[in-house]
C-alpha atoms as a PDB file:
ATOM      1  CA  MET A   1     -42.803 -27.859  -6.863  1.00  0.00           C
ATOM      2  CA  GLN A   2     -41.251 -30.291  -9.395  1.00  0.00           C
ATOM      3  CA  LYS A   3     -39.213 -27.523 -10.959  1.00  0.00           C
ATOM      4  CA  LYS A   4     -37.749 -26.541  -7.585  1.00  0.00           C
ATOM      5  CA  LYS A   5     -36.940 -30.180  -6.771  1.00  0.00           C
ATOM      6  CA  GLY A   6     -35.186 -30.570 -10.129  1.00  0.00           C
ATOM      7  CA  ALA A   7     -33.202 -27.411  -9.473  1.00  0.00           C
ATOM      8  CA  ASN A   8     -32.121 -28.785  -6.080  1.00  0.00           C
ATOM      9  CA  VAL A   9     -30.959 -32.009  -7.725  1.00  0.00           C
ATOM     10  CA  LYS A  10     -28.910 -30.103 -10.271  1.00  0.00           C
ATOM     11  CA  TYR A  11     -27.497 -27.917  -7.481  1.00  0.00           C
ATOM     12  CA  LYS A  12     -26.357 -30.963  -5.477  1.00  0.00           C
ATOM     13  CA  ILE A  13     -24.799 -32.603  -8.524  1.00  0.00           C
ATOM     14  CA  ILE A  14     -23.077 -29.368  -9.508  1.00  0.00           C
ATOM     15  CA  ASN A  15     -21.721 -29.057  -5.945  1.00  0.00           C
ATOM     16  CA  ILE A  16     -20.239 -32.551  -6.143  1.00  0.00           C
ATOM     17  CA  LEU A  17     -18.671 -31.752  -9.501  1.00  0.00           C
ATOM     18  CA  ILE A  18     -17.247 -28.494  -8.130  1.00  0.00           C
ATOM     19  CA  VAL A  19     -15.696 -30.358  -5.201  1.00  0.00           C
ATOM     20  CA  ILE A  20     -14.052 -32.748  -7.644  1.00  0.00           C
ATOM     21  CA  ALA A  21     -12.815 -29.888  -9.818  1.00  0.00           C
ATOM     22  CA  LEU A  22     -11.419 -28.107  -6.762  1.00  0.00           C
ATOM     23  CA  SER A  23      -9.759 -31.346  -5.721  1.00  0.00           C
ATOM     24  CA  VAL A  24      -7.767 -31.244  -8.912  1.00  0.00           C
ATOM     25  CA  LEU A  25      -6.613 -27.700  -8.153  1.00  0.00           C
ATOM     26  CA  VAL A  26      -5.256 -28.623  -4.706  1.00  0.00           C
ATOM     27  CA  LEU A  27      -3.196 -31.587  -5.900  1.00  0.00           C
ATOM     28  CA  ASN A  28      -0.016 -29.528  -5.637  1.00  0.00           C
ATOM     29  CA  CYS A  29      -0.924 -28.503  -2.082  1.00  0.00           C
ATOM     30  CA  SER A  30      -1.612 -32.023  -0.849  1.00  0.00           C
ATOM     31  CA  GLY A  31       0.385 -34.028   1.609  1.00  0.00           C
ATOM     32  CA  PRO A  32       3.074 -36.514   0.722  1.00  0.00           C
ATOM     33  CA  ALA A  33       2.430 -39.470  -1.537  1.00  0.00           C
ATOM     34  CA  ASN A  34       0.974 -42.556   0.078  1.00  0.00           C
ATOM     35  CA  PRO A  35       1.721 -45.383  -2.381  1.00  0.00           C
ATOM     36  CA  GLU A  36      -0.194 -48.043  -0.430  1.00  0.00           C
ATOM     37  CA  SER A  37      -3.374 -45.959  -0.289  1.00  0.00           C
ATOM     38  CA  GLU A  38      -2.954 -44.823  -3.882  1.00  0.00           C
ATOM     39  CA  LYS A  39      -2.688 -48.441  -5.066  1.00  0.00           C
ATOM     40  CA  ALA A  40      -5.751 -49.603  -3.091  1.00  0.00           C
ATOM     41  CA  ALA A  41      -7.838 -46.591  -4.127  1.00  0.00           C
ATOM     42  CA  SER A  42      -6.795 -46.991  -7.755  1.00  0.00           C
ATOM     43  CA  ALA A  43      -8.000 -50.617  -7.803  1.00  0.00           C
ATOM     44  CA  VAL A  44     -11.357 -49.553  -6.347  1.00  0.00           C
ATOM     45  CA  ALA A  45     -11.646 -46.713  -8.870  1.00  0.00           C
ATOM     46  CA  LEU A  46     -11.127 -49.110 -11.791  1.00  0.00           C
ATOM     47  CA  GLU A  47     -13.721 -51.561 -10.441  1.00  0.00           C
ATOM     48  CA  TRP A  48     -16.166 -48.686 -10.002  1.00  0.00           C
ATOM     49  CA  LEU A  49     -15.430 -47.321 -13.489  1.00  0.00           C
ATOM     50  CA  ALA A  50     -16.163 -50.779 -14.921  1.00  0.00           C
ATOM     51  CA  LEU A  51     -19.701 -50.474 -13.509  1.00  0.00           C
ATOM     52  CA  VAL A  52     -20.070 -47.058 -15.135  1.00  0.00           C
ATOM     53  CA  ASP A  53     -18.645 -48.334 -18.436  1.00  0.00           C
ATOM     54  CA  GLU A  54     -21.205 -51.176 -18.419  1.00  0.00           C
ATOM     55  CA  GLY A  55     -24.043 -48.675 -17.884  1.00  0.00           C
ATOM     56  CA  ARG A  56     -24.682 -50.039 -14.374  1.00  0.00           C
ATOM     57  CA  TYR A  57     -25.160 -46.574 -12.907  1.00  0.00           C
ATOM     58  CA  GLY A  58     -27.376 -47.766 -10.046  1.00  0.00           C
ATOM     59  CA  ASP A  59     -24.705 -50.273  -9.018  1.00  0.00           C
ATOM     60  CA  SER A  60     -22.042 -47.553  -9.182  1.00  0.00           C
ATOM     61  CA  TRP A  61     -24.184 -45.493  -6.788  1.00  0.00           C
ATOM     62  CA  LYS A  62     -24.522 -48.474  -4.400  1.00  0.00           C
ATOM     63  CA  GLU A  63     -20.744 -48.956  -4.427  1.00  0.00           C
ATOM     64  CA  ALA A  64     -20.004 -45.252  -3.847  1.00  0.00           C
ATOM     65  CA  SER A  65     -19.080 -43.773  -0.477  1.00  0.00           C
ATOM     66  CA  GLU A  66     -21.642 -42.925   2.165  1.00  0.00           C
ATOM     67  CA  LEU A  67     -20.815 -39.238   1.653  1.00  0.00           C
ATOM     68  CA  PHE A  68     -21.658 -39.575  -2.046  1.00  0.00           C
ATOM     69  CA  ARG A  69     -24.895 -41.507  -1.438  1.00  0.00           C
ATOM     70  CA  MET A  70     -26.034 -38.907   1.101  1.00  0.00           C
ATOM     71  CA  ALA A  71     -25.431 -36.089  -1.391  1.00  0.00           C
ATOM     72  CA  VAL A  72     -27.134 -37.638  -4.439  1.00  0.00           C
ATOM     73  CA  LYS A  73     -30.141 -39.925  -4.617  1.00  0.00           C
ATOM     74  CA  LYS A  74     -29.777 -43.083  -6.707  1.00  0.00           C
ATOM     75  CA  GLU A  75     -32.360 -42.017  -9.291  1.00  0.00           C
ATOM     76  CA  GLN A  76     -30.699 -38.613  -9.659  1.00  0.00           C
ATOM     77  CA  TRP A  77     -27.315 -40.247 -10.183  1.00  0.00           C
ATOM     78  CA  GLU A  78     -28.638 -42.707 -12.761  1.00  0.00           C
ATOM     79  CA  SER A  79     -30.334 -39.944 -14.721  1.00  0.00           C
ATOM     80  CA  SER A  80     -27.439 -37.488 -14.572  1.00  0.00           C
ATOM     81  CA  LEU A  81     -24.701 -39.981 -15.350  1.00  0.00           C
ATOM     82  CA  GLY A  82     -26.690 -41.588 -18.146  1.00  0.00           C
ATOM     83  CA  GLY A  83     -27.234 -38.171 -19.684  1.00  0.00           C
ATOM     84  CA  VAL A  84     -23.489 -37.534 -19.687  1.00  0.00           C
ATOM     85  CA  ARG A  85     -21.984 -40.933 -20.496  1.00  0.00           C
ATOM     86  CA  ILE A  86     -24.377 -42.515 -23.015  1.00  0.00           C
ATOM     87  CA  PRO A  87     -23.794 -39.863 -25.723  1.00  0.00           C
ATOM     88  CA  LEU A  88     -20.008 -40.391 -25.438  1.00  0.00           C
ATOM     89  CA  GLY A  89     -20.183 -44.071 -26.361  1.00  0.00           C
ATOM     90  CA  ASN A  90     -17.998 -46.920 -25.149  1.00  0.00           C
ATOM     91  CA  VAL A  91     -14.552 -46.462 -23.653  1.00  0.00           C
ATOM     92  CA  VAL A  92     -11.785 -47.114 -26.166  1.00  0.00           C
ATOM     93  CA  SER A  93      -8.871 -46.555 -23.778  1.00  0.00           C
ATOM     94  CA  ARG A  94      -8.181 -45.222 -20.282  1.00  0.00           C
ATOM     95  CA  GLU A  95      -4.792 -44.380 -18.804  1.00  0.00           C
ATOM     96  CA  VAL A  96      -3.858 -42.826 -15.447  1.00  0.00           C
ATOM     97  CA  SER A  97      -2.420 -39.355 -15.942  1.00  0.00           C
ATOM     98  CA  SER A  98      -2.101 -38.397 -12.258  1.00  0.00           C
ATOM     99  CA  ILE A  99      -2.779 -39.814  -8.826  1.00  0.00           C
ATOM    100  CA  GLN A 100      -2.492 -37.929  -5.548  1.00  0.00           C
ATOM    101  CA  TYR A 101      -3.221 -38.797  -1.933  1.00  0.00           C
ATOM    102  CA  ALA A 102      -4.772 -36.016   0.172  1.00  0.00           C
ATOM    103  CA  GLU A 103      -6.184 -35.663   3.676  1.00  0.00           C
ATOM    104  CA  GLU A 104      -7.888 -32.330   3.053  1.00  0.00           C
ATOM    105  CA  LEU A 105      -9.998 -31.316   0.058  1.00  0.00           C
ATOM    106  CA  PRO A 106     -12.265 -28.279  -0.308  1.00  0.00           C
ATOM    107  CA  GLY A 107     -15.910 -28.726   0.629  1.00  0.00           C
ATOM    108  CA  VAL A 108     -15.661 -32.215   2.150  1.00  0.00           C
ATOM    109  CA  PRO A 109     -14.758 -33.493   5.613  1.00  0.00           C
ATOM    110  CA  ASP A 110     -11.096 -34.198   6.295  1.00  0.00           C
ATOM    111  CA  GLY A 111     -10.182 -37.808   5.714  1.00  0.00           C
ATOM    112  CA  GLU A 112      -8.203 -39.955   3.320  1.00  0.00           C
ATOM    113  CA  TYR A 113      -8.773 -39.261  -0.363  1.00  0.00           C
ATOM    114  CA  VAL A 114      -7.004 -40.188  -3.563  1.00  0.00           C
ATOM    115  CA  VAL A 115      -7.657 -37.983  -6.585  1.00  0.00           C
ATOM    116  CA  ILE A 116      -7.068 -39.922  -9.787  1.00  0.00           C
ATOM    117  CA  GLN A 117      -7.163 -38.446 -13.274  1.00  0.00           C
ATOM    118  CA  TYR A 118      -7.412 -40.602 -16.373  1.00  0.00           C
ATOM    119  CA  ARG A 119      -6.821 -39.717 -20.013  1.00  0.00           C
ATOM    120  CA  THR A 120      -9.765 -41.443 -21.610  1.00  0.00           C
ATOM    121  CA  SER A 121     -10.770 -41.986 -25.210  1.00  0.00           C
ATOM    122  CA  LEU A 122     -14.394 -42.810 -25.975  1.00  0.00           C
ATOM    123  CA  GLU A 123     -16.210 -43.681 -29.195  1.00  0.00           C
ATOM    124  CA  PHE A 124     -17.607 -40.196 -29.700  1.00  0.00           C
ATOM    125  CA  LYS A 125     -15.127 -38.175 -27.624  1.00  0.00           C
ATOM    126  CA  LYS A 126     -11.554 -38.966 -28.528  1.00  0.00           C
ATOM    127  CA  SER A 127      -9.946 -37.030 -25.686  1.00  0.00           C
ATOM    128  CA  ALA A 128     -11.550 -36.743 -22.263  1.00  0.00           C
ATOM    129  CA  VAL A 129     -10.305 -36.375 -18.704  1.00  0.00           C
ATOM    130  CA  GLU A 130     -12.036 -38.425 -16.036  1.00  0.00           C
ATOM    131  CA  THR A 131     -11.459 -37.557 -12.402  1.00  0.00           C
ATOM    132  CA  VAL A 132     -12.348 -40.205  -9.835  1.00  0.00           C
ATOM    133  CA  THR A 133     -11.932 -39.525  -6.131  1.00  0.00           C
ATOM    134  CA  PRO A 134     -12.007 -42.555  -3.852  1.00  0.00           C
ATOM    135  CA  MET A 135     -12.061 -41.955  -0.099  1.00  0.00           C
ATOM    136  CA  MET A 136     -11.583 -44.139   2.939  1.00  0.00           C
ATOM    137  CA  ASP A 137     -15.178 -44.680   4.036  1.00  0.00           C
ATOM    138  CA  LYS A 138     -16.418 -45.100   7.610  1.00  0.00           C
ATOM    139  CA  ASP A 139     -16.363 -48.892   7.233  1.00  0.00           C
ATOM    140  CA  GLY A 140     -12.618 -48.848   6.504  1.00  0.00           C
ATOM    141  CA  ARG A 141     -13.014 -49.533   2.771  1.00  0.00           C
ATOM    142  CA  TRP A 142     -12.018 -47.353  -0.132  1.00  0.00           C
ATOM    143  CA  ARG A 143     -15.094 -46.158  -2.036  1.00  0.00           C
ATOM    144  CA  VAL A 144     -15.586 -43.580  -4.779  1.00  0.00           C
ATOM    145  CA  SER A 145     -16.761 -40.230  -3.434  1.00  0.00           C
ATOM    146  CA  GLY A 146     -16.774 -38.278  -6.679  1.00  0.00           C
ATOM    147  CA  TYR A 147     -16.649 -38.549 -10.457  1.00  0.00           C
ATOM    148  CA  TYR A 148     -16.229 -35.916 -13.121  1.00  0.00           C
ATOM    149  CA  ILE A 149     -15.652 -36.180 -16.862  1.00  0.00           C
ATOM    150  CA  LYS A 150     -14.735 -33.348 -19.216  1.00  0.00           C
END
């Protein structure tokens, strides 16, 4: 039973990561730029990334979108993110490489999304790409709906 539950957790997390990866592929197919939304979403993404950088994975889950929290349980997120981020060490630098507003992304409900990619350097990984996807949540606030690092 435990093994099956663990497999389901990995499946859900992989699905979220696939959605984020597909989001990157549709950037060229997205609607027009929306500078106001991009600016607001970017500020939220940086606040959220600060939680991740500080190792406050549970807090990053609490601050994520409802869609995200419904897809991944807090304990699953803490375990998965810790397993990925801790070995990479502290962030040395982070710079936006692309930002794109979209109203449609594969595998998620239509809405307002901003897909942001950062060129990030970490202690033990000099060159990484982080993708953070804030969305306009049901409460009218921008919240992160996905995160991927490669």
